[in-house]
C-alpha atoms as a PDB file:
ATOM      1  CA  UNK A   1       0.000   0.000   0.000  1.00  0.00           C
ATOM      2  CA  UNK A   2       1.369   3.400  -0.891  1.00  0.00           C
ATOM      3  CA  UNK A   3       1.804   6.298   1.492  1.00  0.00           C
ATOM      4  CA  UNK A   4      -1.480   7.902   2.573  1.00  0.00           C
ATOM      5  CA  UNK A   5      -2.285  11.430   1.484  1.00  0.00           C
ATOM      6  CA  UNK A   6      -2.443  14.015   4.268  1.00  0.00           C
ATOM      7  CA  UNK A   7      -6.238  14.048   4.024  1.00  0.00           C
ATOM      8  CA  UNK A   8      -6.566  10.256   4.273  1.00  0.00           C
ATOM      9  CA  UNK A   9      -3.949  10.134   7.019  1.00  0.00           C
ATOM     10  CA  UNK A  10      -6.002  12.616   9.047  1.00  0.00           C
ATOM     11  CA  UNK A  11      -9.175  10.649   8.337  1.00  0.00           C
ATOM     12  CA  UNK A  12      -7.464   7.452   9.529  1.00  0.00           C
ATOM     13  CA  UNK A  13      -6.121   9.173  12.660  1.00  0.00           C
ATOM     14  CA  UNK A  14      -9.543  10.633  13.442  1.00  0.00           C
ATOM     15  CA  UNK A  15     -11.240   7.276  12.849  1.00  0.00           C
ATOM     16  CA  UNK A  16      -8.758   5.481  15.103  1.00  0.00           C
ATOM     17  CA  UNK A  17      -9.258   8.134  17.797  1.00  0.00           C
ATOM     18  CA  UNK A  18     -13.040   7.688  17.570  1.00  0.00           C
ATOM     19  CA  UNK A  19     -12.578   3.899  17.752  1.00  0.00           C
ATOM     20  CA  UNK A  20     -10.356   4.192  20.832  1.00  0.00           C
ATOM     21  CA  UNK A  21     -12.911   6.551  22.416  1.00  0.00           C
ATOM     22  CA  UNK A  22     -15.586   3.898  21.773  1.00  0.00           C
ATOM     23  CA  UNK A  23     -17.476   6.250  19.440  1.00  0.00           C
ATOM     24  CA  UNK A  24     -18.062   3.390  17.058  1.00  0.00           C
ATOM     25  CA  UNK A  25     -20.648   4.932  14.729  1.00  0.00           C
ATOM     26  CA  UNK A  26     -18.345   7.900  14.135  1.00  0.00           C
ATOM     27  CA  UNK A  27     -15.353   5.575  13.765  1.00  0.00           C
ATOM     28  CA  UNK A  28     -17.255   3.513  11.195  1.00  0.00           C
ATOM     29  CA  UNK A  29     -18.127   6.587   9.135  1.00  0.00           C
ATOM     30  CA  UNK A  30     -14.460   7.567   8.959  1.00  0.00           C
ATOM     31  CA  UNK A  31     -12.828   4.150   8.660  1.00  0.00           C
ATOM     32  CA  UNK A  32     -15.195   2.239   6.381  1.00  0.00           C
ATOM     33  CA  UNK A  33     -14.329   4.237   3.214  1.00  0.00           C
ATOM     34  CA  UNK A  34     -10.621   3.735   3.956  1.00  0.00           C
ATOM     35  CA  UNK A  35     -11.228   0.039   4.585  1.00  0.00           C
ATOM     36  CA  UNK A  36     -12.930  -0.182   1.179  1.00  0.00           C
ATOM     37  CA  UNK A  37      -9.740   1.289  -0.320  1.00  0.00           C
ATOM     38  CA  UNK A  38      -7.697  -1.528   1.219  1.00  0.00           C
ATOM     39  CA  UNK A  39      -6.025   0.375   4.055  1.00  0.00           C
ATOM     40  CA  UNK A  40      -5.059  -2.379   6.495  1.00  0.00           C
ATOM     41  CA  UNK A  41      -5.364  -0.387   9.724  1.00  0.00           C
ATOM     42  CA  UNK A  42      -8.892   0.691   8.764  1.00  0.00           C
ATOM     43  CA  UNK A  43      -9.782  -2.861   7.698  1.00  0.00           C
ATOM     44  CA  UNK A  44      -8.600  -4.217  11.047  1.00  0.00           C
ATOM     45  CA  UNK A  45     -10.711  -1.806  13.095  1.00  0.00           C
ATOM     46  CA  UNK A  46     -13.760  -2.196  10.846  1.00  0.00           C
ATOM     47  CA  UNK A  47     -13.434  -5.978  11.190  1.00  0.00           C
ATOM     48  CA  UNK A  48     -13.464  -5.649  14.979  1.00  0.00           C
ATOM     49  CA  UNK A  49     -16.580  -3.476  14.821  1.00  0.00           C
ATOM     50  CA  UNK A  50     -18.331  -5.912  12.463  1.00  0.00           C
ATOM     51  CA  UNK A  51     -17.241  -8.931  14.518  1.00  0.00           C
ATOM     52  CA  UNK A  52     -18.607  -7.506  17.762  1.00  0.00           C
ATOM     53  CA  UNK A  53     -21.552  -5.438  16.515  1.00  0.00           C
ATOM     54  CA  UNK A  54     -19.975  -2.156  17.630  1.00  0.00           C
ATOM     55  CA  UNK A  55     -21.904   0.643  15.915  1.00  0.00           C
ATOM     56  CA  UNK A  56     -22.913  -1.749  13.129  1.00  0.00           C
ATOM     57  CA  UNK A  57     -24.757  -5.055  12.831  1.00  0.00           C
ATOM     58  CA  UNK A  58     -22.544  -8.018  13.756  1.00  0.00           C
ATOM     59  CA  UNK A  59     -21.578 -10.073  10.702  1.00  0.00           C
ATOM     60  CA  UNK A  60     -18.926 -12.615  11.775  1.00  0.00           C
ATOM     61  CA  UNK A  61     -18.150 -14.017   8.290  1.00  0.00           C
ATOM     62  CA  UNK A  62     -17.676 -10.548   6.825  1.00  0.00           C
ATOM     63  CA  UNK A  63     -15.505  -9.646   9.827  1.00  0.00           C
ATOM     64  CA  UNK A  64     -13.268 -12.663   9.208  1.00  0.00           C
ATOM     65  CA  UNK A  65     -12.953 -11.817   5.520  1.00  0.00           C
ATOM     66  CA  UNK A  66     -12.005  -8.228   6.269  1.00  0.00           C
ATOM     67  CA  UNK A  67      -9.585  -9.325   9.007  1.00  0.00           C
ATOM     68  CA  UNK A  68      -7.909 -11.628   6.489  1.00  0.00           C
ATOM     69  CA  UNK A  69      -7.461  -8.711   4.076  1.00  0.00           C
ATOM     70  CA  UNK A  70      -5.645  -6.738   6.770  1.00  0.00           C
ATOM     71  CA  UNK A  71      -3.645  -9.793   7.911  1.00  0.00           C
ATOM     72  CA  UNK A  72      -2.483 -10.494   4.361  1.00  0.00           C
ATOM     73  CA  UNK A  73      -1.020  -6.965   4.311  1.00  0.00           C
ATOM     74  CA  UNK A  74       1.236  -8.069   7.191  1.00  0.00           C
ATOM     75  CA  UNK A  75      -0.586  -6.152   9.933  1.00  0.00           C
ATOM     76  CA  UNK A  76       0.418  -8.046  13.075  1.00  0.00           C
ATOM     77  CA  UNK A  77      -2.688  -7.107  15.077  1.00  0.00           C
ATOM     78  CA  UNK A  78      -4.907  -8.454  12.292  1.00  0.00           C
ATOM     79  CA  UNK A  79      -2.813 -11.634  12.035  1.00  0.00           C
ATOM     80  CA  UNK A  80      -3.244 -12.204  15.762  1.00  0.00           C
ATOM     81  CA  UNK A  81      -6.983 -11.512  15.629  1.00  0.00           C
ATOM     82  CA  UNK A  82      -7.454 -13.792  12.613  1.00  0.00           C
ATOM     83  CA  UNK A  83      -5.522 -16.549  14.378  1.00  0.00           C
ATOM     84  CA  UNK A  84      -7.846 -16.264  17.365  1.00  0.00           C
ATOM     85  CA  UNK A  85     -10.861 -16.313  15.044  1.00  0.00           C
ATOM     86  CA  UNK A  86      -9.629 -19.618  13.603  1.00  0.00           C
ATOM     87  CA  UNK A  87      -8.826 -20.969  17.062  1.00  0.00           C
ATOM     88  CA  UNK A  88     -12.382 -20.440  18.301  1.00  0.00           C
ATOM     89  CA  UNK A  89     -14.304 -20.646  15.005  1.00  0.00           C
ATOM     90  CA  UNK A  90     -15.505 -17.044  15.000  1.00  0.00           C
ATOM     91  CA  UNK A  91     -16.753 -16.242  11.484  1.00  0.00           C
ATOM     92  CA  UNK A  92     -14.669 -19.110  10.086  1.00  0.00           C
ATOM     93  CA  UNK A  93     -14.493 -22.846  10.601  1.00  0.00           C
ATOM     94  CA  UNK A  94     -12.396 -23.813  13.610  1.00  0.00           C
ATOM     95  CA  UNK A  95      -8.942 -24.692  12.293  1.00  0.00           C
ATOM     96  CA  UNK A  96      -5.926 -25.149  14.545  1.00  0.00           C
ATOM     97  CA  UNK A  97      -3.508 -25.177  11.610  1.00  0.00           C
ATOM     98  CA  UNK A  98      -4.785 -21.838  10.292  1.00  0.00           C
ATOM     99  CA  UNK A  99      -4.765 -20.420  13.821  1.00  0.00           C
ATOM    100  CA  UNK A 100      -1.159 -21.511  14.291  1.00  0.00           C
ATOM    101  CA  UNK A 101      -0.072 -20.069  10.932  1.00  0.00           C
ATOM    102  CA  UNK A 102      -1.559 -16.635  11.606  1.00  0.00           C
ATOM    103  CA  UNK A 103      -0.371 -16.514  15.210  1.00  0.00           C
ATOM    104  CA  UNK A 104       3.170 -17.452  14.086  1.00  0.00           C
ATOM    105  CA  UNK A 105       3.120 -14.552  11.638  1.00  0.00           C
ATOM    106  CA  UNK A 106       1.839 -12.171  14.310  1.00  0.00           C
ATOM    107  CA  UNK A 107       4.567 -13.319  16.696  1.00  0.00           C
ATOM    108  CA  UNK A 108       7.187 -12.778  13.998  1.00  0.00           C
ATOM    109  CA  UNK A 109       5.789  -9.246  13.670  1.00  0.00           C
ATOM    110  CA  UNK A 110       6.557  -8.573  17.326  1.00  0.00           C
ATOM    111  CA  UNK A 111       3.289  -9.430  19.067  1.00  0.00           C
ATOM    112  CA  UNK A 112       4.227 -11.258  22.254  1.00  0.00           C
ATOM    113  CA  UNK A 113       0.544 -12.009  22.827  1.00  0.00           C
ATOM    114  CA  UNK A 114       0.599 -14.258  19.765  1.00  0.00           C
ATOM    115  CA  UNK A 115       3.444 -16.290  21.276  1.00  0.00           C
ATOM    116  CA  UNK A 116       1.572 -16.622  24.586  1.00  0.00           C
ATOM    117  CA  UNK A 117      -1.601 -17.675  22.749  1.00  0.00           C
ATOM    118  CA  UNK A 118       0.390 -20.371  20.963  1.00  0.00           C
ATOM    119  CA  UNK A 119       1.852 -21.417  24.315  1.00  0.00           C
ATOM    120  CA  UNK A 120      -1.646 -21.756  25.737  1.00  0.00           C
ATOM    121  CA  UNK A 121      -2.775 -23.762  22.702  1.00  0.00           C
ATOM    122  CA  UNK A 122       0.038 -26.281  23.092  1.00  0.00           C
ATOM    123  CA  UNK A 123      -0.185 -26.342  26.886  1.00  0.00           C
ATOM    124  CA  UNK A 124      -3.911 -27.141  26.809  1.00  0.00           C
ATOM    125  CA  UNK A 125      -4.095 -29.048  23.513  1.00  0.00           C
ATOM    126  CA  UNK A 126      -6.475 -26.404  22.143  1.00  0.00           C
ATOM    127  CA  UNK A 127      -6.541 -26.651  18.324  1.00  0.00           C
ATOM    128  CA  UNK A 128      -3.221 -28.535  18.315  1.00  0.00           C
ATOM    129  CA  UNK A 129      -1.941 -31.707  19.957  1.00  0.00           C
ATOM    130  CA  UNK A 130      -0.922 -31.105  23.568  1.00  0.00           C
ATOM    131  CA  UNK A 131       2.842 -30.565  23.686  1.00  0.00           C
ATOM    132  CA  UNK A 132       4.287 -29.146  26.887  1.00  0.00           C
ATOM    133  CA  UNK A 133       7.744 -28.601  25.367  1.00  0.00           C
ATOM    134  CA  UNK A 134       6.264 -26.518  22.512  1.00  0.00           C
ATOM    135  CA  UNK A 135       4.192 -24.609  25.064  1.00  0.00           C
ATOM    136  CA  UNK A 136       7.343 -23.821  27.046  1.00  0.00           C
ATOM    137  CA  UNK A 137       9.127 -22.580  23.900  1.00  0.00           C
ATOM    138  CA  UNK A 138       6.270 -20.245  23.002  1.00  0.00           C
ATOM    139  CA  UNK A 139       5.914 -18.933  26.547  1.00  0.00           C
ATOM    140  CA  UNK A 140       9.652 -18.194  26.568  1.00  0.00           C
ATOM    141  CA  UNK A 141       9.316 -16.338  23.227  1.00  0.00           C
ATOM    142  CA  UNK A 142       6.548 -14.274  24.831  1.00  0.00           C
ATOM    143  CA  UNK A 143       8.951 -13.284  27.597  1.00  0.00           C
ATOM    144  CA  UNK A 144       7.444 -15.384  30.373  1.00  0.00           C
ATOM    145  CA  UNK A 145       9.052 -17.910  32.656  1.00  0.00           C
ATOM    146  CA  UNK A 146       7.695 -21.080  31.035  1.00  0.00           C
ATOM    147  CA  UNK A 147       7.767 -22.907  34.377  1.00  0.00           C
ATOM    148  CA  UNK A 148       4.938 -20.666  35.598  1.00  0.00           C
ATOM    149  CA  UNK A 149       2.568 -21.910  32.902  1.00  0.00           C
ATOM    150  CA  UNK A 150       3.260 -25.607  32.433  1.00  0.00           C
END
C-alpha cells in the first residue's frame, strides 16, 4: 500500500481516535471508506466493529474476511486476531492449523501475545496436539518464565 495522502492520514487518525474513544458509529463513518480502499489499519478496526456489533450489525463471516485482508497486508494485530478467530471458530471454521499459521506470523511481527496464545494452545491441547515442550518454547518467546505456565 502506498503512502497515505495528508487528508486520508487525518481521516485514519480521526477514525482510530473515535474507535479508541468507543465512538463506534463515528469511527465507522471515517474508517469504512478507507477500509474499502484496502487500508489495512482501517480494515482491522472495521473488522473488529463488524465482529462484535460495535456501531454496526454483527456479521462474523464478513468480519473474518475483512480481518484476512488486513492480515495479508502483514498487519500483526490483524494476524493475531485472525488466528484467534480460527482458534475459536468465529466467522470461520475452527482450524488449529490456520490459527497456528496466523499466530506465528503475528509473533514474527513482534506481538508477544501471539506467542503466549500459541503457548496456551500447546499447553492445553487447544486446536493442536498437547505438547508441553512446545508450550514452554512459546511462553519463553513471549517473555514469560515457562515454568509458571506448564
